[in-house]
Amino acid sequence: MLKREKLDLIAGRMKARGILIKDLAQMIGRERNYVSVHLKNPLTFTLGEIYTICEALDIEDERISEFFPREVK
């Protein structure tokens, strides 16, 4: 799956739950710009940030790799 498709998956979850970029930023203790930039390449989030984002977006543990794969091919 391409990087754009991963972004679309994450953006779809955010929209469905009414979560904005600024909300995610607050949840992980970062600036809005940081989240915006990192959403374009989700692998650049820290593991702790990924877990927090997954919790906020109701992404089950077994599906984390669908949203945040080891590497984008």
Protein backbone atom coordinates (compact mmCIF):
# COMPACT_ATOMS: atom_id res chain seq x y z
CA MET A 1 0.00 0.00 0.00
CA LEU A 2 1.33 3.43 -0.88
CA LYS A 3 2.08 6.23 1.59
CA ARG A 4 -0.92 8.21 0.30
CA GLU A 5 -3.21 5.27 1.02
CA LYS A 6 -1.92 5.10 4.61
CA LEU A 7 -2.60 8.79 5.02
CA ASP A 8 -6.11 8.26 3.65
CA LEU A 9 -6.70 5.45 6.18
CA ILE A 10 -5.60 7.65 9.06
CA ALA A 11 -7.49 10.69 7.74
CA GLY A 12 -10.63 8.58 7.35
CA ARG A 13 -10.42 7.43 10.96
CA MET A 14 -9.85 11.01 12.12
CA LYS A 15 -12.85 12.28 10.17
CA ALA A 16 -15.11 9.47 11.37
CA ARG A 17 -14.27 10.31 14.98
CA GLY A 18 -14.31 14.08 14.58
CA ILE A 19 -10.62 14.36 15.48
CA LEU A 20 -8.63 17.20 13.95
CA ILE A 21 -4.88 17.46 13.50
CA LYS A 22 -4.76 19.95 16.38
CA ASP A 23 -6.51 17.37 18.58
CA LEU A 24 -3.95 14.68 17.75
CA ALA A 25 -1.18 17.20 18.38
CA GLN A 26 -2.54 17.93 21.83
CA MET A 27 -2.91 14.22 22.61
CA ILE A 28 0.74 13.49 21.81
CA GLY A 29 2.09 16.74 23.23
CA ARG A 30 3.32 18.16 19.94
CA GLU A 31 2.62 21.16 17.74
CA ARG A 32 0.02 20.96 15.00
CA ASN A 33 2.70 21.43 12.32
CA TYR A 34 4.66 18.43 13.67
CA VAL A 35 1.62 16.18 13.30
CA SER A 36 0.76 17.54 9.87
CA VAL A 37 4.28 16.86 8.58
CA HIS A 38 4.46 13.41 10.18
CA LEU A 39 1.06 12.34 8.84
CA LYS A 40 2.59 12.59 5.38
CA ASN A 41 5.09 9.91 6.46
CA PRO A 42 3.53 8.07 9.41
CA LEU A 43 6.67 6.03 10.03
CA THR A 44 8.34 9.12 11.45
CA PHE A 45 6.13 9.15 14.55
CA THR A 46 7.66 7.64 17.67
CA LEU A 47 6.29 4.33 18.90
CA GLY A 48 4.67 6.07 21.87
CA GLU A 49 3.00 8.57 19.55
CA ILE A 50 1.74 5.77 17.34
CA TYR A 51 0.15 4.00 20.31
CA THR A 52 -1.50 7.22 21.47
CA ILE A 53 -2.82 7.92 17.98
CA CYS A 54 -4.11 4.36 17.65
CA GLU A 55 -5.91 4.63 20.96
CA ALA A 56 -7.49 7.95 19.93
CA LEU A 57 -8.56 6.54 16.55
CA ASP A 58 -9.78 3.19 17.93
CA ILE A 59 -7.22 1.23 15.93
CA GLU A 60 -6.95 -2.26 17.36
CA ASP A 61 -3.47 -3.50 18.27
CA GLU A 62 -3.57 -6.22 15.64
CA ARG A 63 -4.27 -3.59 12.93
CA ILE A 64 -1.50 -1.10 13.83
CA SER A 65 0.69 -2.35 10.98
CA GLU A 66 -2.08 -1.54 8.48
CA PHE A 67 -1.88 2.12 9.47
CA PHE A 68 1.79 2.31 10.47
CA PRO A 69 3.70 -0.37 8.53
CA ARG A 70 7.39 -1.03 9.10
CA GLU A 71 8.20 0.33 5.69
CA VAL A 72 6.15 1.64 2.82
CA LYS A 73 6.70 -0.35 -0.34
